[in-house]
Amino acid sequence: MFRAAPGIAAGLASAGCSGPLSTLQPEGPSAQAIATLWWIMLAGGTAIFLAVSLVLWLAVARPSALRATGARATILWGGIVVPSIVLMMLVAAAFALGERLLAKPGEPPPLRIEVAARQWAWEFRYPGDRAARTLDRLVMPAGRAVDFAVTSEDVIHSFWIPRLGGKIDAIPGHENLVRLRADRPGIYGGVCAEFCGDGHAVMRFTVEAVTAEEFDAWLAGREESETGS
């Protein structure tokens, strides 16, 4: 039983890194940059933890080694120099990767989808003469940048598709814009990441990334059904 414990723990840990809401399974450039930064910060935090643990171990098991080094040198290198170098590297990585999340002016105009949040549902409004709409189901073309114009009809919510990018608040009377892209067709999960009332836990939506041709055909079909209704 005890011999199997490490394997079970490793399996549970790896299972927690997958799924429709996993930030560690990125499927878009924004999510990839965020995941890369997460791994870099994990490595940096681990390095600082190991360095501090080493100093603590030496203080208990080999105090003579620390005495030989001297208190001033130990504090200087272990408490200031090494942590500062690691933290500066993390900040540099954050700035470099954060730059990738910004929409570049030279990019072709992206598709625009309006997102309206309310307790406790998501409404998506698509471009076109008939303004097709869906509820708790987002359909988007894969391989194409999409600008999501996010707002709220009541309280503050937060629009988040973990596998495609970071979250952004949905604020009443205000429109926030986030640009996301799905690298390939697939089904992804979306949630409200801001507590908004009793129904917050069930305020989820499904994201269907389809090919450009399938999206155009789907949108045309939705517009026809809107016209018919």
Protein backbone atom coordinates (compact mmCIF):
# COMPACT_ATOMS: atom_id res chain seq x y z
CA MET A 1 0.00 0.00 0.00
CA PHE A 2 2.70 2.45 1.05
CA ARG A 3 4.87 1.50 -1.94
CA ALA A 4 2.04 2.43 -4.28
CA ALA A 5 1.43 5.79 -2.58
CA PRO A 6 3.99 7.79 -4.66
CA GLY A 7 2.55 6.44 -7.90
CA ILE A 8 -0.99 7.24 -6.81
CA ALA A 9 0.01 10.75 -5.76
CA ALA A 10 1.79 11.35 -9.06
CA GLY A 11 -1.25 10.09 -10.99
CA LEU A 12 -3.60 12.37 -9.08
CA ALA A 13 -1.29 15.34 -9.58
CA SER A 14 -1.03 14.76 -13.34
CA ALA A 15 -4.79 14.24 -13.62
CA GLY A 16 -5.33 17.62 -12.01
CA CYS A 17 -3.33 19.25 -14.83
CA SER A 18 -5.71 18.11 -17.58
CA GLY A 19 -9.33 18.64 -18.54
CA PRO A 20 -11.50 21.24 -20.31
CA LEU A 21 -10.59 23.95 -17.76
CA SER A 22 -6.87 23.20 -17.43
CA THR A 23 -4.55 26.18 -17.83
CA LEU A 24 -1.68 23.71 -18.33
CA GLN A 25 -3.14 22.40 -21.59
CA PRO A 26 -3.05 25.61 -23.66
CA GLU A 27 -4.68 25.66 -27.07
CA GLY A 28 -3.99 29.26 -28.05
CA PRO A 29 -1.11 31.76 -28.09
CA SER A 30 -2.36 33.72 -25.06
CA ALA A 31 -2.86 30.58 -23.00
CA GLN A 32 0.53 29.26 -24.13
CA ALA A 33 2.28 32.41 -22.92
CA ILE A 34 0.49 32.20 -19.57
CA ALA A 35 1.34 28.51 -19.15
CA THR A 36 5.00 29.15 -20.03
CA LEU A 37 5.17 31.94 -17.46
CA TRP A 38 3.61 29.61 -14.87
CA TRP A 39 6.29 26.98 -15.45
CA ILE A 40 9.04 29.60 -15.28
CA MET A 41 7.64 30.96 -11.99
CA LEU A 42 7.37 27.43 -10.62
CA ALA A 43 11.02 26.80 -11.48
CA GLY A 44 12.07 30.12 -9.95
CA GLY A 45 10.06 29.54 -6.79
CA THR A 46 11.50 26.05 -6.49
CA ALA A 47 15.04 27.42 -6.85
CA ILE A 48 14.47 29.94 -4.06
CA PHE A 49 12.86 27.28 -1.87
CA LEU A 50 15.77 24.87 -2.38
CA ALA A 51 18.33 27.59 -1.66
CA VAL A 52 16.62 28.57 1.59
CA SER A 53 16.17 24.90 2.55
CA LEU A 54 19.88 24.31 1.96
CA VAL A 55 20.81 27.16 4.27
CA LEU A 56 18.42 25.87 6.95
CA TRP A 57 19.81 22.36 6.62
CA LEU A 58 23.37 23.64 6.97
CA ALA A 59 22.35 25.63 10.05
CA VAL A 60 21.06 22.43 11.70
CA ALA A 61 23.34 19.72 10.34
CA ARG A 62 26.54 21.58 9.45
CA PRO A 63 26.69 24.76 11.53
CA SER A 64 30.46 24.83 11.17
CA ALA A 65 30.06 25.39 7.41
CA LEU A 66 27.97 28.50 8.00
CA ARG A 67 30.36 29.74 10.66
CA ALA A 68 33.21 29.36 8.20
CA THR A 69 31.28 31.33 5.59
CA GLY A 70 30.36 34.04 8.05
CA ALA A 71 26.98 35.51 8.99
CA ARG A 72 27.35 38.58 6.78
CA ALA A 73 28.25 36.61 3.63
CA THR A 74 25.47 34.07 4.29
CA ILE A 75 22.84 36.80 4.65
CA LEU A 76 24.21 38.73 1.68
CA TRP A 77 24.27 35.82 -0.78
CA GLY A 78 21.47 33.67 0.59
CA GLY A 79 19.07 36.44 1.53
CA ILE A 80 19.74 39.16 -1.03
CA VAL A 81 21.89 38.28 -4.05
CA VAL A 82 20.52 34.87 -5.07
CA PRO A 83 16.79 35.71 -4.47
CA SER A 84 17.23 39.05 -6.28
CA ILE A 85 18.76 37.38 -9.34
CA VAL A 86 15.96 34.81 -9.51
CA LEU A 87 13.26 37.47 -9.03
CA MET A 88 14.76 39.72 -11.72
CA MET A 89 14.75 36.79 -14.14
CA LEU A 90 11.09 36.13 -13.31
CA VAL A 91 10.17 39.79 -13.87
CA ALA A 92 11.99 39.80 -17.23
CA ALA A 93 10.13 36.66 -18.30
CA ALA A 94 6.82 38.18 -17.19
CA PHE A 95 7.39 41.30 -19.30
CA ALA A 96 8.53 39.32 -22.34
CA LEU A 97 5.63 36.87 -22.23
CA GLY A 98 3.12 39.54 -21.26
CA GLU A 99 3.98 41.39 -24.46
CA ARG A 100 2.67 38.43 -26.44
CA LEU A 101 -0.78 38.89 -24.91
CA LEU A 102 -1.18 42.34 -26.47
CA ALA A 103 -2.97 42.75 -29.79
CA LYS A 104 -0.57 44.04 -32.43
CA PRO A 105 -1.78 46.95 -34.63
CA GLY A 106 -0.48 45.28 -37.78
CA GLU A 107 -2.59 42.16 -37.36
CA PRO A 108 -5.60 41.66 -39.68
CA PRO A 109 -8.90 42.79 -38.17
CA PRO A 110 -10.20 40.00 -35.93
CA LEU A 111 -13.73 38.69 -35.69
CA ARG A 112 -15.77 40.49 -33.02
CA ILE A 113 -18.18 38.64 -30.73
CA GLU A 114 -20.13 40.47 -28.03
CA VAL A 115 -20.47 38.76 -24.66
CA ALA A 116 -23.21 39.73 -22.19
CA ALA A 117 -23.11 38.19 -18.72
CA ARG A 118 -26.03 38.03 -16.32
CA GLN A 119 -27.03 35.97 -13.31
CA TRP A 120 -26.34 33.20 -14.19
CA ALA A 121 -25.86 32.81 -17.92
CA TRP A 122 -23.72 33.96 -20.84
CA GLU A 123 -25.16 35.37 -24.05
CA PHE A 124 -23.01 35.56 -27.18
CA ARG A 125 -23.90 37.91 -30.05
CA TYR A 126 -22.28 37.31 -33.42
CA PRO A 127 -21.62 39.74 -36.29
CA GLY A 128 -24.00 39.88 -39.22
CA ASP A 129 -27.15 41.57 -40.41
CA ARG A 130 -29.36 39.44 -38.16
CA ALA A 131 -27.06 39.38 -35.12
CA ALA A 132 -27.29 35.68 -34.32
CA ARG A 133 -27.18 34.80 -30.62
CA THR A 134 -26.44 31.77 -28.46
CA LEU A 135 -26.86 31.14 -24.75
CA ASP A 136 -24.16 29.34 -22.74
CA ARG A 137 -22.65 28.08 -25.99
CA LEU A 138 -19.88 29.92 -27.81
CA VAL A 139 -19.00 28.98 -31.39
CA MET A 140 -15.79 30.45 -32.80
CA PRO A 141 -13.50 29.79 -35.77
CA ALA A 142 -10.22 28.02 -35.04
CA GLY A 143 -6.98 29.58 -36.23
CA ARG A 144 -8.41 33.11 -36.26
CA ALA A 145 -8.13 35.88 -33.67
CA VAL A 146 -11.42 36.83 -32.04
CA ASP A 147 -12.10 40.01 -30.08
CA PHE A 148 -14.56 39.41 -27.27
CA ALA A 149 -16.35 42.59 -26.16
CA VAL A 150 -17.42 41.69 -22.62
CA THR A 151 -20.02 43.46 -20.48
CA SER A 152 -22.56 42.63 -17.77
CA GLU A 153 -26.26 43.26 -17.34
CA ASP A 154 -26.30 43.13 -13.52
CA VAL A 155 -23.29 42.50 -11.25
CA ILE A 156 -19.57 42.00 -11.93
CA HIS A 157 -18.74 38.68 -13.56
CA SER A 158 -15.48 37.40 -15.08
CA PHE A 159 -15.16 35.85 -18.54
CA TRP A 160 -12.58 33.05 -18.64
CA ILE A 161 -11.69 30.29 -21.10
CA PRO A 162 -8.65 28.75 -19.33
CA ARG A 163 -7.28 26.80 -22.30
CA LEU A 164 -7.42 29.82 -24.62
CA GLY A 165 -6.21 32.70 -22.45
CA GLY A 166 -6.60 34.85 -19.38
CA LYS A 167 -9.78 36.12 -17.82
CA ILE A 168 -11.34 39.57 -18.03
CA ASP A 169 -14.04 41.20 -15.90
CA ALA A 170 -17.57 41.77 -17.15
CA ILE A 171 -18.62 45.10 -15.64
CA PRO A 172 -22.10 46.70 -15.87
CA GLY A 173 -22.11 49.75 -18.12
CA HIS A 174 -18.55 49.13 -19.31
CA GLU A 175 -17.07 47.11 -22.17
CA ASN A 176 -13.80 45.23 -21.78
CA LEU A 177 -12.00 43.69 -24.74
CA VAL A 178 -9.95 40.49 -24.78
CA ARG A 179 -8.41 38.88 -27.88
CA LEU A 180 -8.22 35.08 -27.96
CA ARG A 181 -7.47 32.42 -30.55
CA ALA A 182 -7.99 28.67 -30.66
CA ASP A 183 -5.14 26.97 -32.49
CA ARG A 184 -7.24 24.00 -33.59
CA PRO A 185 -10.86 22.83 -33.59
CA GLY A 186 -12.08 21.35 -30.31
CA ILE A 187 -14.39 21.64 -27.33
CA TYR A 188 -13.27 23.83 -24.43
CA GLY A 189 -14.81 24.99 -21.19
CA GLY A 190 -15.58 28.51 -20.01
CA VAL A 191 -16.53 29.78 -16.57
CA CYS A 192 -17.33 32.86 -14.55
CA ALA A 193 -14.22 33.48 -12.44
CA GLU A 194 -15.77 36.16 -10.17
CA PHE A 195 -18.22 35.26 -7.39
CA CYS A 196 -21.53 36.74 -8.48
CA GLY A 197 -24.21 35.15 -6.30
CA ASP A 198 -25.84 31.83 -5.48
CA GLY A 199 -25.65 30.54 -9.04
CA HIS A 200 -21.97 31.35 -9.57
CA ALA A 201 -20.86 27.70 -9.44
CA VAL A 202 -23.11 26.73 -12.37
CA MET A 203 -22.36 29.80 -14.50
CA ARG A 204 -20.43 27.92 -17.16
CA PHE A 205 -20.46 27.78 -20.94
CA THR A 206 -19.18 25.53 -23.69
CA VAL A 207 -16.74 26.71 -26.35
CA GLU A 208 -16.84 25.03 -29.76
CA ALA A 209 -13.89 25.92 -31.99
CA VAL A 210 -14.62 24.86 -35.56
CA THR A 211 -12.97 25.37 -38.95
CA ALA A 212 -13.52 28.69 -40.74
CA GLU A 213 -15.77 27.02 -43.30
CA GLU A 214 -17.87 25.33 -40.61
CA PHE A 215 -18.18 28.60 -38.71
CA ASP A 216 -19.35 30.53 -41.78
CA ALA A 217 -21.90 27.81 -42.57
CA TRP A 218 -23.09 27.70 -38.96
CA LEU A 219 -23.42 31.49 -38.76
CA ALA A 220 -25.38 31.59 -42.02
CA GLY A 221 -27.69 28.89 -40.69
CA ARG A 222 -28.23 30.79 -37.43
CA GLU A 223 -29.07 33.96 -39.32
CA GLU A 224 -31.61 32.09 -41.41
CA SER A 225 -33.22 30.61 -38.28
CA GLU A 226 -33.31 34.06 -36.66
CA THR A 227 -35.00 35.43 -39.76
CA GLY A 228 -37.49 32.58 -39.80
CA SER A 229 -38.38 33.09 -36.16
